[in-house]
Amino acid sequence: MRAFATLLAGAALAAAAPLPALAQAAWPARPVTIVVPFAAGGVTDILARFYAQKLSTRTGVAFNVENRAGGNGTIGTDSVARSAPNGYTLGVFLDSNTIAPALFSKLGSDPIRDFAPISMMAVGQHIVVAHPRSGRTA
């Protein structure tokens, strides 16, 4: 009888286990803000707007891009860190955001502690150029 009661209790717990997941609301249930910590019109802004449009179309919920330029990206980055941790404020980061602690003595956020990566948006290349008559070409 004791084994049957234990088995019955275990079955009841197993059946109830998925219930909290069923009670969660689908994401996104309201508009999402994507913070770009640089000025409008740059590559980062263009990429963010491209992804915002695709996500809006796919989910049926607005994804809005908000540019918060200044401080080599630290102003926008700090605004994302101060936002509610509910998934409705996302940030677009570059390598400059991750090396900021090595460049600035006081920051409002820490790239390791305050953020969780979601996805890589793009990979880019950088080159150094000079005028051909400058004598500084390879």
Protein backbone atom coordinates (compact mmCIF):
# COMPACT_ATOMS: atom_id res chain seq x y z
CA MET A 1 0.00 0.00 0.00
CA ARG A 2 2.87 2.37 0.85
CA ALA A 3 4.52 1.75 -2.54
CA PHE A 4 1.24 2.48 -4.31
CA ALA A 5 0.85 5.79 -2.40
CA THR A 6 4.42 6.77 -3.29
CA LEU A 7 3.82 5.89 -6.94
CA LEU A 8 0.57 7.86 -6.96
CA ALA A 9 2.26 10.91 -5.38
CA GLY A 10 5.10 10.73 -7.90
CA ALA A 11 2.65 10.53 -10.80
CA ALA A 12 0.74 13.54 -9.47
CA LEU A 13 3.96 15.56 -9.17
CA ALA A 14 5.07 14.56 -12.65
CA ALA A 15 1.71 15.57 -14.11
CA ALA A 16 1.82 18.95 -12.37
CA ALA A 17 5.41 19.75 -13.39
CA PRO A 18 4.64 21.32 -16.81
CA LEU A 19 1.80 23.48 -15.48
CA PRO A 20 3.89 26.56 -14.56
CA ALA A 21 5.31 26.65 -18.10
CA LEU A 22 1.79 26.63 -19.52
CA ALA A 23 0.89 29.67 -17.42
CA GLN A 24 3.66 31.84 -18.90
CA ALA A 25 2.62 34.46 -21.44
CA ALA A 26 4.03 34.24 -24.94
CA TRP A 27 6.92 36.60 -25.69
CA PRO A 28 6.63 39.22 -26.99
CA ALA A 29 3.25 40.27 -25.70
CA ARG A 30 3.96 43.99 -26.19
CA PRO A 31 6.39 46.20 -28.18
CA VAL A 32 10.12 45.59 -27.77
CA THR A 33 12.75 48.34 -27.80
CA ILE A 34 16.11 47.72 -29.45
CA VAL A 35 18.66 50.24 -28.18
CA VAL A 36 21.47 51.15 -30.57
CA PRO A 37 24.16 52.99 -28.59
CA PHE A 38 25.31 54.92 -31.66
CA ALA A 39 23.93 57.63 -33.95
CA ALA A 40 21.24 56.91 -36.51
CA GLY A 41 22.34 56.16 -40.05
CA GLY A 42 25.41 54.06 -39.29
CA VAL A 43 25.88 50.38 -40.03
CA THR A 44 24.80 49.36 -36.52
CA ASP A 45 21.59 51.36 -36.84
CA ILE A 46 20.85 49.96 -40.31
CA LEU A 47 21.35 46.37 -39.10
CA ALA A 48 19.18 46.95 -36.04
CA ARG A 49 16.38 48.39 -38.18
CA PHE A 50 16.63 45.47 -40.61
CA TYR A 51 16.31 42.95 -37.77
CA ALA A 52 13.56 44.98 -36.06
CA GLN A 53 11.49 44.90 -39.25
CA LYS A 54 11.98 41.15 -39.68
CA LEU A 55 11.16 40.42 -36.03
CA SER A 56 8.07 42.64 -36.17
CA THR A 57 6.84 40.80 -39.27
CA ARG A 58 7.56 37.37 -37.79
CA THR A 59 6.03 37.99 -34.34
CA GLY A 60 3.28 40.50 -35.17
CA VAL A 61 4.60 42.76 -32.40
CA ALA A 62 6.46 46.04 -32.95
CA PHE A 63 10.23 46.05 -32.47
CA ASN A 64 11.29 49.71 -32.23
CA VAL A 65 14.86 50.95 -32.66
CA GLU A 66 15.97 53.70 -30.29
CA ASN A 67 19.32 55.42 -30.89
CA ARG A 68 21.11 56.56 -27.73
CA ALA A 69 24.43 57.88 -28.94
CA GLY A 70 27.28 59.27 -26.86
CA GLY A 71 30.20 58.26 -24.73
CA ASN A 72 31.54 55.80 -27.33
CA GLY A 73 28.42 53.69 -26.84
CA THR A 74 28.37 53.80 -23.05
CA ILE A 75 25.23 55.96 -22.73
CA GLY A 76 23.03 53.56 -24.68
CA THR A 77 24.68 50.53 -23.11
CA ASP A 78 24.02 51.87 -19.60
CA SER A 79 20.37 52.52 -20.47
CA VAL A 80 19.96 48.86 -21.42
CA ALA A 81 21.63 47.78 -18.16
CA ARG A 82 19.22 49.97 -16.14
CA SER A 83 16.12 48.68 -17.94
CA ALA A 84 13.82 46.11 -16.38
CA PRO A 85 15.19 42.58 -16.93
CA ASN A 86 12.03 41.42 -18.70
CA GLY A 87 13.19 40.92 -22.31
CA TYR A 88 11.47 44.04 -23.66
CA THR A 89 14.64 46.14 -23.96
CA LEU A 90 17.40 44.69 -26.11
CA GLY A 91 20.78 46.21 -26.94
CA VAL A 92 23.01 46.02 -29.99
CA PHE A 93 26.64 45.80 -28.95
CA LEU A 94 29.92 46.09 -30.81
CA ASP A 95 33.44 45.26 -29.75
CA SER A 96 33.76 48.80 -28.37
CA ASN A 97 31.06 48.00 -25.81
CA THR A 98 32.96 44.99 -24.52
CA ILE A 99 36.33 46.74 -24.21
CA ALA A 100 34.89 49.87 -22.56
CA PRO A 101 35.98 48.76 -19.04
CA ALA A 102 39.59 48.82 -20.24
CA LEU A 103 39.17 52.33 -21.65
CA PHE A 104 37.05 54.11 -19.04
CA SER A 105 37.56 54.17 -15.28
CA LYS A 106 33.89 54.68 -14.38
CA LEU A 107 31.08 52.95 -16.23
CA GLY A 108 27.43 52.48 -15.38
CA SER A 109 27.45 48.84 -16.49
CA ASP A 110 29.65 45.78 -16.82
CA PRO A 111 29.51 43.86 -20.12
CA ILE A 112 29.97 40.50 -18.39
CA ARG A 113 27.79 40.94 -15.31
CA ASP A 114 24.92 43.03 -16.70
CA PHE A 115 24.16 41.43 -20.07
CA ALA A 116 23.40 38.05 -21.60
CA PRO A 117 24.20 37.47 -25.28
CA ILE A 118 21.28 36.43 -27.48
CA SER A 119 22.60 36.21 -31.02
CA MET A 120 25.30 37.45 -33.34
CA MET A 121 23.80 39.85 -35.89
CA ALA A 122 26.69 40.32 -38.30
CA VAL A 123 30.42 40.00 -38.80
CA GLY A 124 32.33 42.84 -40.39
CA GLN A 125 35.80 43.61 -41.63
CA HIS A 126 37.79 46.76 -41.02
CA ILE A 127 40.64 48.01 -43.18
CA VAL A 128 43.02 50.94 -43.05
CA VAL A 129 43.37 52.95 -46.26
CA ALA A 130 45.48 55.84 -47.45
CA HIS A 131 45.62 58.02 -50.54
CA PRO A 132 47.75 56.25 -53.18
CA ARG A 133 50.15 59.21 -53.46
CA SER A 134 50.74 59.44 -49.71
CA GLY A 135 53.67 57.02 -49.82
CA ARG A 136 52.06 54.97 -47.05
CA THR A 137 50.69 52.11 -49.12
CA ALA A 138 51.91 48.52 -48.91
